[in-house]
Amino acid sequence: MQAKRIIPCLDVDDGRVVKGIKFRGIQDAGDPVELARRYNDEGADELTFLDIGASYKSRATLLDVVRKVAAEVFIPLCVGGGVRGVNDMREVMNAGADKVSVCTSALARPELLAEMARAYGRQCVVLSIDAKRVGEGQNAEAPRWHAYSHGGRTDTGRDAVEWAVRAVELGAGEILLNSIDADGTGAGYDLELTRAVLDAVPVPVIASGGAGNLEQIAGVLLPPEKAENGLWGNADAALVASMLHYGKTTVGDIKKYAESKGICVRW
């Protein structure tokens, strides 16, 4: 089994790490530089920095904060928010990012993914999908999800799984899959969504939204043959925010628990 990754996520707005529930009720969760330093020291495999206000407030990514965070970590750093073109990507990469994530701008202009891949290679291009269950799919046997833009505020009407497939064809090298329904609830990841996208694309998928305990984090990483209590997602990586920010666990504790369930992790 390929090693699974544990990735802390810093949702940043106005220079502070924030956290909400289902993309609403945003509350302060700490200083991004201090948290980045902590997670680097705890053994995180990567760090994701999302400037969540950049798209809907139409402002540039907070490059000064990115530089400060990059100076504190010695692990891959993915940065997203407000990237609308290759020039924006260049600025973010020059500020210290190893990968760049796009969401709203790619939905508006899908060819951006191809342009980014040509400029820096698909390994540097991450498509962030903010997905929400829609219509009869909420209760039907075959659920459906739409991709949302502008920080989960706008339903694009685009099928999230189909969008993932198209994005990979264009140049996305990784999918950051955010469940709006599960975000911040602590009720667990949307395993059906995770499996649906994993089955559809040949690139790594990072599951995000809903981590409330160690069993849920392990569950979204477990392959079907190791499933316990029906929990399995087989994601390549798990994004974790609230549990880490509020001291409910550490990266080390997550890895120890995952390893106890037969999941291969990096140390």
C-alpha atoms as a PDB file:
ATOM      1  CA  MET A   1       0.000   0.000   0.000  1.00  0.00           C
ATOM      2  CA  GLN A   2       1.271   3.444  -0.903  1.00  0.00           C
ATOM      3  CA  ALA A   3       1.811   5.645   2.146  1.00  0.00           C
ATOM      4  CA  LYS A   4      -1.199   7.790   2.982  1.00  0.00           C
ATOM      5  CA  ARG A   5      -0.710  11.472   3.814  1.00  0.00           C
ATOM      6  CA  ILE A   6      -1.989  13.511   6.732  1.00  0.00           C
ATOM      7  CA  ILE A   7      -2.367  17.144   5.678  1.00  0.00           C
ATOM      8  CA  PRO A   8      -3.298  19.936   8.099  1.00  0.00           C
ATOM      9  CA  CYS A   9      -5.296  22.705   6.449  1.00  0.00           C
ATOM     10  CA  LEU A  10      -5.006  26.389   7.220  1.00  0.00           C
ATOM     11  CA  ASP A  11      -8.120  28.231   6.044  1.00  0.00           C
ATOM     12  CA  VAL A  12      -6.944  31.839   6.174  1.00  0.00           C
ATOM     13  CA  ASP A  13      -9.012  35.014   6.025  1.00  0.00           C
ATOM     14  CA  ASP A  14      -7.632  38.487   6.719  1.00  0.00           C
ATOM     15  CA  GLY A  15      -4.360  36.966   7.897  1.00  0.00           C
ATOM     16  CA  ARG A  16      -5.863  34.617  10.516  1.00  0.00           C
ATOM     17  CA  VAL A  17      -6.695  30.916  10.464  1.00  0.00           C
ATOM     18  CA  VAL A  18     -10.465  30.491  10.649  1.00  0.00           C
ATOM     19  CA  LYS A  19     -12.899  27.581  10.803  1.00  0.00           C
ATOM     20  CA  GLY A  20     -16.631  27.276  10.314  1.00  0.00           C
ATOM     21  CA  ILE A  21     -19.338  24.688   9.773  1.00  0.00           C
ATOM     22  CA  LYS A  22     -20.494  23.973   6.221  1.00  0.00           C
ATOM     23  CA  PHE A  23     -18.517  27.032   5.088  1.00  0.00           C
ATOM     24  CA  ARG A  24     -20.511  29.300   7.458  1.00  0.00           C
ATOM     25  CA  GLY A  25     -20.160  30.691  10.993  1.00  0.00           C
ATOM     26  CA  ILE A  26     -16.479  31.456  10.581  1.00  0.00           C
ATOM     27  CA  GLN A  27     -14.504  31.749  13.832  1.00  0.00           C
ATOM     28  CA  ASP A  28     -10.894  32.570  14.604  1.00  0.00           C
ATOM     29  CA  ALA A  29      -8.653  29.521  15.076  1.00  0.00           C
ATOM     30  CA  GLY A  30      -5.171  30.987  15.453  1.00  0.00           C
ATOM     31  CA  ASP A  31      -2.094  32.441  13.820  1.00  0.00           C
ATOM     32  CA  PRO A  32      -1.139  30.734  10.545  1.00  0.00           C
ATOM     33  CA  VAL A  33       2.602  30.986  11.148  1.00  0.00           C
ATOM     34  CA  GLU A  34       2.403  29.483  14.638  1.00  0.00           C
ATOM     35  CA  LEU A  35       0.124  26.665  13.476  1.00  0.00           C
ATOM     36  CA  ALA A  36       2.305  25.939  10.447  1.00  0.00           C
ATOM     37  CA  ARG A  37       5.344  25.638  12.693  1.00  0.00           C
ATOM     38  CA  ARG A  38       3.482  23.282  15.042  1.00  0.00           C
ATOM     39  CA  TYR A  39       2.268  20.958  12.300  1.00  0.00           C
ATOM     40  CA  ASN A  40       5.668  20.862  10.642  1.00  0.00           C
ATOM     41  CA  ASP A  41       7.215  19.824  13.976  1.00  0.00           C
ATOM     42  CA  GLU A  42       4.487  17.222  14.563  1.00  0.00           C
ATOM     43  CA  GLY A  43       5.364  15.416  11.331  1.00  0.00           C
ATOM     44  CA  ALA A  44       2.686  16.516   8.878  1.00  0.00           C
ATOM     45  CA  ASP A  45       3.292  15.192   5.372  1.00  0.00           C
ATOM     46  CA  GLU A  46       2.186  18.399   3.686  1.00  0.00           C
ATOM     47  CA  LEU A  47       0.460  21.652   4.545  1.00  0.00           C
ATOM     48  CA  THR A  48      -2.439  23.256   2.712  1.00  0.00           C
ATOM     49  CA  PHE A  49      -2.969  27.026   2.901  1.00  0.00           C
ATOM     50  CA  LEU A  50      -6.290  28.254   1.532  1.00  0.00           C
ATOM     51  CA  ASP A  51      -7.018  31.971   1.418  1.00  0.00           C
ATOM     52  CA  ILE A  52     -10.762  31.365   1.649  1.00  0.00           C
ATOM     53  CA  GLY A  53     -11.761  34.998   1.190  1.00  0.00           C
ATOM     54  CA  ALA A  54      -9.734  35.654  -1.940  1.00  0.00           C
ATOM     55  CA  SER A  55     -12.247  34.484  -4.529  1.00  0.00           C
ATOM     56  CA  TYR A  56     -15.454  36.015  -3.281  1.00  0.00           C
ATOM     57  CA  LYS A  57     -13.806  39.211  -2.071  1.00  0.00           C
ATOM     58  CA  SER A  58     -11.856  39.486  -5.340  1.00  0.00           C
ATOM     59  CA  ARG A  59      -8.493  40.176  -3.781  1.00  0.00           C
ATOM     60  CA  ALA A  60      -5.057  38.697  -4.240  1.00  0.00           C
ATOM     61  CA  THR A  61      -3.704  35.847  -2.158  1.00  0.00           C
ATOM     62  CA  LEU A  62      -1.980  37.045   0.995  1.00  0.00           C
ATOM     63  CA  LEU A  63       1.520  36.547  -0.331  1.00  0.00           C
ATOM     64  CA  ASP A  64       3.201  38.003   2.732  1.00  0.00           C
ATOM     65  CA  VAL A  65       1.526  35.402   4.950  1.00  0.00           C
ATOM     66  CA  VAL A  66       2.447  32.677   2.467  1.00  0.00           C
ATOM     67  CA  ARG A  67       6.100  33.730   2.669  1.00  0.00           C
ATOM     68  CA  LYS A  68       6.042  33.646   6.461  1.00  0.00           C
ATOM     69  CA  VAL A  69       4.415  30.210   6.499  1.00  0.00           C
ATOM     70  CA  ALA A  70       6.820  28.853   3.869  1.00  0.00           C
ATOM     71  CA  ALA A  71       9.744  29.986   6.004  1.00  0.00           C
ATOM     72  CA  GLU A  72       8.476  27.820   8.877  1.00  0.00           C
ATOM     73  CA  VAL A  73       7.850  24.536   7.089  1.00  0.00           C
ATOM     74  CA  PHE A  74      10.103  21.976   5.459  1.00  0.00           C
ATOM     75  CA  ILE A  75       7.308  19.942   3.903  1.00  0.00           C
ATOM     76  CA  PRO A  76       5.388  20.510   0.653  1.00  0.00           C
ATOM     77  CA  LEU A  77       3.123  23.557   0.813  1.00  0.00           C
ATOM     78  CA  CYS A  78      -0.017  23.876  -1.295  1.00  0.00           C
ATOM     79  CA  VAL A  79      -1.525  27.353  -1.589  1.00  0.00           C
ATOM     80  CA  GLY A  80      -4.905  28.321  -3.005  1.00  0.00           C
ATOM     81  CA  GLY A  81      -7.175  31.341  -3.206  1.00  0.00           C
ATOM     82  CA  GLY A  82      -7.374  34.168  -5.698  1.00  0.00           C
ATOM     83  CA  VAL A  83      -5.216  32.490  -8.370  1.00  0.00           C
ATOM     84  CA  ARG A  84      -6.705  33.518 -11.717  1.00  0.00           C
ATOM     85  CA  GLY A  85      -3.819  33.037 -14.120  1.00  0.00           C
ATOM     86  CA  VAL A  86      -0.291  31.775 -14.594  1.00  0.00           C
ATOM     87  CA  ASN A  87       1.120  35.082 -13.367  1.00  0.00           C
ATOM     88  CA  ASP A  88      -0.753  34.642 -10.083  1.00  0.00           C
ATOM     89  CA  MET A  89       0.545  31.084  -9.876  1.00  0.00           C
ATOM     90  CA  ARG A  90       4.084  32.337 -10.458  1.00  0.00           C
ATOM     91  CA  GLU A  91       3.772  34.820  -7.592  1.00  0.00           C
ATOM     92  CA  VAL A  92       2.502  32.118  -5.249  1.00  0.00           C
ATOM     93  CA  MET A  93       5.250  29.685  -6.266  1.00  0.00           C
ATOM     94  CA  ASN A  94       7.878  32.404  -5.824  1.00  0.00           C
ATOM     95  CA  ALA A  95       6.475  33.084  -2.348  1.00  0.00           C
ATOM     96  CA  GLY A  96       7.297  29.504  -1.360  1.00  0.00           C
ATOM     97  CA  ALA A  97       4.468  27.245  -2.530  1.00  0.00           C
ATOM     98  CA  ASP A  98       5.220  23.830  -4.027  1.00  0.00           C
ATOM     99  CA  LYS A  99       1.708  23.378  -5.432  1.00  0.00           C
ATOM    100  CA  VAL A 100      -1.096  25.760  -6.309  1.00  0.00           C
ATOM    101  CA  SER A 101      -4.779  25.042  -5.816  1.00  0.00           C
ATOM    102  CA  VAL A 102      -7.571  26.597  -7.868  1.00  0.00           C
ATOM    103  CA  CYS A 103     -11.346  26.337  -7.565  1.00  0.00           C
ATOM    104  CA  THR A 104     -13.526  29.250  -8.682  1.00  0.00           C
ATOM    105  CA  SER A 105     -11.147  30.463 -11.388  1.00  0.00           C
ATOM    106  CA  ALA A 106     -10.930  26.995 -12.957  1.00  0.00           C
ATOM    107  CA  LEU A 107     -14.717  26.640 -12.986  1.00  0.00           C
ATOM    108  CA  ALA A 108     -14.983  29.981 -14.749  1.00  0.00           C
ATOM    109  CA  ARG A 109     -12.216  29.199 -17.219  1.00  0.00           C
ATOM    110  CA  PRO A 110     -11.275  25.497 -17.316  1.00  0.00           C
ATOM    111  CA  GLU A 111      -8.414  26.061 -19.756  1.00  0.00           C
ATOM    112  CA  LEU A 112      -6.546  27.702 -16.859  1.00  0.00           C
ATOM    113  CA  LEU A 113      -5.657  24.190 -15.662  1.00  0.00           C
ATOM    114  CA  ALA A 114      -3.932  23.413 -18.949  1.00  0.00           C
ATOM    115  CA  GLU A 115      -2.055  26.717 -18.845  1.00  0.00           C
ATOM    116  CA  MET A 116      -0.854  26.049 -15.294  1.00  0.00           C
ATOM    117  CA  ALA A 117       0.238  22.516 -16.177  1.00  0.00           C
ATOM    118  CA  ARG A 118       2.190  23.736 -19.196  1.00  0.00           C
ATOM    119  CA  ALA A 119       3.926  26.380 -17.101  1.00  0.00           C
ATOM    120  CA  TYR A 120       4.882  24.306 -14.057  1.00  0.00           C
ATOM    121  CA  GLY A 121       3.884  20.684 -14.667  1.00  0.00           C
ATOM    122  CA  ARG A 122       0.703  18.937 -13.601  1.00  0.00           C
ATOM    123  CA  GLN A 123       2.339  17.843 -10.336  1.00  0.00           C
ATOM    124  CA  CYS A 124       2.041  21.479  -9.216  1.00  0.00           C
ATOM    125  CA  VAL A 125      -1.630  21.855 -10.200  1.00  0.00           C
ATOM    126  CA  VAL A 126      -4.290  20.979  -7.623  1.00  0.00           C
ATOM    127  CA  LEU A 127      -7.989  21.307  -8.422  1.00  0.00           C
ATOM    128  CA  SER A 128     -10.047  22.110  -5.350  1.00  0.00           C
ATOM    129  CA  ILE A 129     -13.666  20.974  -5.642  1.00  0.00           C
ATOM    130  CA  ASP A 130     -16.228  22.306  -3.155  1.00  0.00           C
ATOM    131  CA  ALA A 131     -18.959  19.698  -3.554  1.00  0.00           C
ATOM    132  CA  LYS A 132     -22.488  19.585  -2.153  1.00  0.00           C
ATOM    133  CA  ARG A 133     -25.192  16.952  -2.481  1.00  0.00           C
ATOM    134  CA  VAL A 134     -28.083  18.128  -4.619  1.00  0.00           C
ATOM    135  CA  GLY A 135     -31.640  17.203  -5.530  1.00  0.00           C
ATOM    136  CA  GLU A 136     -32.965  13.707  -5.124  1.00  0.00           C
ATOM    137  CA  GLY A 137     -29.409  12.469  -4.730  1.00  0.00           C
ATOM    138  CA  GLN A 138     -29.585  13.359  -1.044  1.00  0.00           C
ATOM    139  CA  ASN A 139     -31.752  10.285  -0.440  1.00  0.00           C
ATOM    140  CA  ALA A 140     -31.466   8.237  -3.619  1.00  0.00           C
ATOM    141  CA  GLU A 141     -29.266   5.193  -4.085  1.00  0.00           C
ATOM    142  CA  ALA A 142     -27.084   7.077  -6.579  1.00  0.00           C
ATOM    143  CA  PRO A 143     -26.214  10.421  -4.937  1.00  0.00           C
ATOM    144  CA  ARG A 144     -25.198  13.457  -6.973  1.00  0.00           C
ATOM    145  CA  TRP A 145     -23.028  16.405  -6.101  1.00  0.00           C
ATOM    146  CA  HIS A 146     -22.588  19.824  -7.673  1.00  0.00           C
ATOM    147  CA  ALA A 147     -19.375  21.809  -7.740  1.00  0.00           C
ATOM    148  CA  TYR A 148     -19.736  25.152  -5.971  1.00  0.00           C
ATOM    149  CA  SER A 149     -17.703  28.301  -6.538  1.00  0.00           C
ATOM    150  CA  HIS A 150     -16.886  31.458  -4.560  1.00  0.00           C
ATOM    151  CA  GLY A 151     -16.165  29.731  -1.259  1.00  0.00           C
ATOM    152  CA  GLY A 152     -19.180  27.447  -1.432  1.00  0.00           C
ATOM    153  CA  ARG A 153     -21.594  30.292  -2.119  1.00  0.00           C
ATOM    154  CA  THR A 154     -22.556  29.638  -5.744  1.00  0.00           C
ATOM    155  CA  ASP A 155     -23.968  26.437  -7.221  1.00  0.00           C
ATOM    156  CA  THR A 156     -22.435  26.139 -10.684  1.00  0.00           C
ATOM    157  CA  GLY A 157     -24.811  23.337 -11.663  1.00  0.00           C
ATOM    158  CA  ARG A 158     -21.793  21.308 -12.776  1.00  0.00           C
ATOM    159  CA  ASP A 159     -21.613  17.674 -11.694  1.00  0.00           C
ATOM    160  CA  ALA A 160     -18.669  17.412  -9.299  1.00  0.00           C
ATOM    161  CA  VAL A 161     -17.508  13.970 -10.451  1.00  0.00           C
ATOM    162  CA  GLU A 162     -17.700  14.910 -14.136  1.00  0.00           C
ATOM    163  CA  TRP A 163     -15.834  18.122 -13.366  1.00  0.00           C
ATOM    164  CA  ALA A 164     -13.049  16.136 -11.672  1.00  0.00           C
ATOM    165  CA  VAL A 165     -12.679  13.955 -14.772  1.00  0.00           C
ATOM    166  CA  ARG A 166     -12.556  16.961 -17.098  1.00  0.00           C
ATOM    167  CA  ALA A 167     -10.069  18.788 -14.883  1.00  0.00           C
ATOM    168  CA  VAL A 168      -7.641  15.871 -14.892  1.00  0.00           C
ATOM    169  CA  GLU A 169      -7.890  15.691 -18.685  1.00  0.00           C
ATOM    170  CA  LEU A 170      -6.942  19.365 -18.811  1.00  0.00           C
ATOM    171  CA  GLY A 171      -3.949  19.099 -16.489  1.00  0.00           C
ATOM    172  CA  ALA A 172      -4.884  18.800 -12.817  1.00  0.00           C
ATOM    173  CA  GLY A 173      -2.436  16.486 -11.080  1.00  0.00           C
ATOM    174  CA  GLU A 174      -4.368  16.128  -7.838  1.00  0.00           C
ATOM    175  CA  ILE A 175      -7.909  16.659  -6.539  1.00  0.00           C
ATOM    176  CA  LEU A 176      -8.626  18.381  -3.227  1.00  0.00           C
ATOM    177  CA  LEU A 177     -12.179  17.226  -2.533  1.00  0.00           C
ATOM    178  CA  ASN A 178     -14.091  19.352  -0.026  1.00  0.00           C
ATOM    179  CA  SER A 179     -17.502  18.195   1.180  1.00  0.00           C
ATOM    180  CA  ILE A 180     -19.590  21.277   2.004  1.00  0.00           C
ATOM    181  CA  ASP A 181     -22.151  19.076   3.751  1.00  0.00           C
ATOM    182  CA  ALA A 182     -19.556  17.569   6.100  1.00  0.00           C
ATOM    183  CA  ASP A 183     -17.293  20.591   6.579  1.00  0.00           C
ATOM    184  CA  GLY A 184     -16.687  21.379  10.254  1.00  0.00           C
ATOM    185  CA  THR A 185     -19.445  19.059  11.476  1.00  0.00           C
ATOM    186  CA  GLY A 186     -17.195  16.412  13.035  1.00  0.00           C
ATOM    187  CA  ALA A 187     -19.630  13.822  11.675  1.00  0.00           C
ATOM    188  CA  GLY A 188     -17.103  12.193   9.345  1.00  0.00           C
ATOM    189  CA  TYR A 189     -16.024  12.552   5.739  1.00  0.00           C
ATOM    190  CA  ASP A 190     -18.453  12.039   2.863  1.00  0.00           C
ATOM    191  CA  LEU A 191     -17.222   8.574   1.965  1.00  0.00           C
ATOM    192  CA  GLU A 192     -19.600   8.167  -0.978  1.00  0.00           C
ATOM    193  CA  LEU A 193     -18.323  11.375  -2.537  1.00  0.00           C
ATOM    194  CA  THR A 194     -14.727  10.340  -1.935  1.00  0.00           C
ATOM    195  CA  ARG A 195     -15.206   6.927  -3.519  1.00  0.00           C
ATOM    196  CA  ALA A 196     -17.128   8.356  -6.480  1.00  0.00           C
ATOM    197  CA  VAL A 197     -14.305  10.731  -7.408  1.00  0.00           C
ATOM    198  CA  LEU A 198     -11.588   8.156  -6.716  1.00  0.00           C
ATOM    199  CA  ASP A 199     -13.293   5.706  -9.071  1.00  0.00           C
ATOM    200  CA  ALA A 200     -13.452   8.359 -11.789  1.00  0.00           C
ATOM    201  CA  VAL A 201      -9.926   9.829 -11.873  1.00  0.00           C
ATOM    202  CA  PRO A 202      -6.374   8.393 -12.088  1.00  0.00           C
ATOM    203  CA  VAL A 203      -4.747  11.061  -9.880  1.00  0.00           C
ATOM    204  CA  PRO A 204      -4.449  11.330  -6.084  1.00  0.00           C
ATOM    205  CA  VAL A 205      -7.540  12.486  -4.194  1.00  0.00           C
ATOM    206  CA  ILE A 206      -7.345  14.364  -0.884  1.00  0.00           C
ATOM    207  CA  ALA A 207     -10.491  13.979   1.232  1.00  0.00           C
ATOM    208  CA  SER A 208     -11.571  17.074   3.138  1.00  0.00           C
ATOM    209  CA  GLY A 209     -14.406  18.007   5.470  1.00  0.00           C
ATOM    210  CA  GLY A 210     -15.930  16.331   8.500  1.00  0.00           C
ATOM    211  CA  ALA A 211     -13.111  14.843  10.580  1.00  0.00           C
ATOM    212  CA  GLY A 212     -14.365  14.454  14.145  1.00  0.00           C
ATOM    213  CA  ASN A 213     -12.382  11.538  15.544  1.00  0.00           C
ATOM    214  CA  LEU A 214      -9.478   9.256  14.729  1.00  0.00           C
ATOM    215  CA  GLU A 215     -11.727   6.450  13.471  1.00  0.00           C
ATOM    216  CA  GLN A 216     -13.216   8.750  10.837  1.00  0.00           C
ATOM    217  CA  ILE A 217      -9.795   9.872   9.618  1.00  0.00           C
ATOM    218  CA  ALA A 218      -8.619   6.271   9.355  1.00  0.00           C
ATOM    219  CA  GLY A 219     -11.885   5.348   7.670  1.00  0.00           C
ATOM    220  CA  VAL A 220     -11.501   7.772   4.786  1.00  0.00           C
ATOM    221  CA  LEU A 221      -8.013   6.358   4.138  1.00  0.00           C
ATOM    222  CA  LEU A 222      -8.849   2.661   4.492  1.00  0.00           C
ATOM    223  CA  PRO A 223      -9.105   0.514   1.344  1.00  0.00           C
ATOM    224  CA  PRO A 224     -12.208  -1.706   1.100  1.00  0.00           C
ATOM    225  CA  GLU A 225     -10.350  -4.854   2.113  1.00  0.00           C
ATOM    226  CA  LYS A 226      -9.427  -3.291   5.458  1.00  0.00           C
ATOM    227  CA  ALA A 227     -12.802  -1.647   6.119  1.00  0.00           C
ATOM    228  CA  GLU A 228     -14.181  -1.618   9.656  1.00  0.00           C
ATOM    229  CA  ASN A 229     -17.845  -0.937  10.464  1.00  0.00           C
ATOM    230  CA  GLY A 230     -18.407  -0.148   6.801  1.00  0.00           C
ATOM    231  CA  LEU A 231     -15.981   2.780   6.957  1.00  0.00           C
ATOM    232  CA  TRP A 232     -13.679   3.048   3.979  1.00  0.00           C
ATOM    233  CA  GLY A 233     -12.818   5.746   1.507  1.00  0.00           C
ATOM    234  CA  ASN A 234      -9.416   4.743   0.121  1.00  0.00           C
ATOM    235  CA  ALA A 235      -8.403   8.400  -0.276  1.00  0.00           C
ATOM    236  CA  ASP A 236      -4.734   9.111  -0.900  1.00  0.00           C
ATOM    237  CA  ALA A 237      -4.666  11.725   1.844  1.00  0.00           C
ATOM    238  CA  ALA A 238      -6.840  13.187   4.596  1.00  0.00           C
ATOM    239  CA  LEU A 239      -7.122  16.907   5.198  1.00  0.00           C
ATOM    240  CA  VAL A 240      -7.609  17.781   8.869  1.00  0.00           C
ATOM    241  CA  ALA A 241      -8.352  21.201  10.371  1.00  0.00           C
ATOM    242  CA  SER A 242     -10.556  21.673  13.460  1.00  0.00           C
ATOM    243  CA  MET A 243      -9.326  18.606  15.343  1.00  0.00           C
ATOM    244  CA  LEU A 244      -5.765  19.881  15.084  1.00  0.00           C
ATOM    245  CA  HIS A 245      -6.416  23.606  15.508  1.00  0.00           C
ATOM    246  CA  TYR A 246      -8.387  23.114  18.728  1.00  0.00           C
ATOM    247  CA  GLY A 247      -5.991  20.578  20.254  1.00  0.00           C
ATOM    248  CA  LYS A 248      -8.246  17.524  20.042  1.00  0.00           C
ATOM    249  CA  THR A 249      -5.406  15.478  18.564  1.00  0.00           C
ATOM    250  CA  THR A 250      -1.978  15.773  16.959  1.00  0.00           C
ATOM    251  CA  VAL A 251      -0.556  14.673  13.632  1.00  0.00           C
ATOM    252  CA  GLY A 252       1.454  12.021  15.484  1.00  0.00           C
ATOM    253  CA  ASP A 253      -1.630  10.609  17.202  1.00  0.00           C
ATOM    254  CA  ILE A 254      -3.459  10.431  13.879  1.00  0.00           C
ATOM    255  CA  LYS A 255      -0.587   8.530  12.294  1.00  0.00           C
ATOM    256  CA  LYS A 256      -0.265   6.126  15.231  1.00  0.00           C
ATOM    257  CA  TYR A 257      -3.962   5.312  15.094  1.00  0.00           C
ATOM    258  CA  ALA A 258      -3.942   4.915  11.319  1.00  0.00           C
ATOM    259  CA  GLU A 259      -0.957   2.600  11.522  1.00  0.00           C
ATOM    260  CA  SER A 260      -2.755   0.498  14.158  1.00  0.00           C
ATOM    261  CA  LYS A 261      -5.495  -0.050  11.568  1.00  0.00           C
ATOM    262  CA  GLY A 262      -3.049  -1.326   8.974  1.00  0.00           C
ATOM    263  CA  ILE A 263      -2.700   1.931   7.065  1.00  0.00           C
ATOM    264  CA  CYS A 264       0.751   2.733   5.712  1.00  0.00           C
ATOM    265  CA  VAL A 265       1.866   6.209   6.825  1.00  0.00           C
ATOM    266  CA  ARG A 266       5.087   8.179   6.592  1.00  0.00           C
ATOM    267  CA  TRP A 267       7.210   8.844   9.688  1.00  0.00           C
END
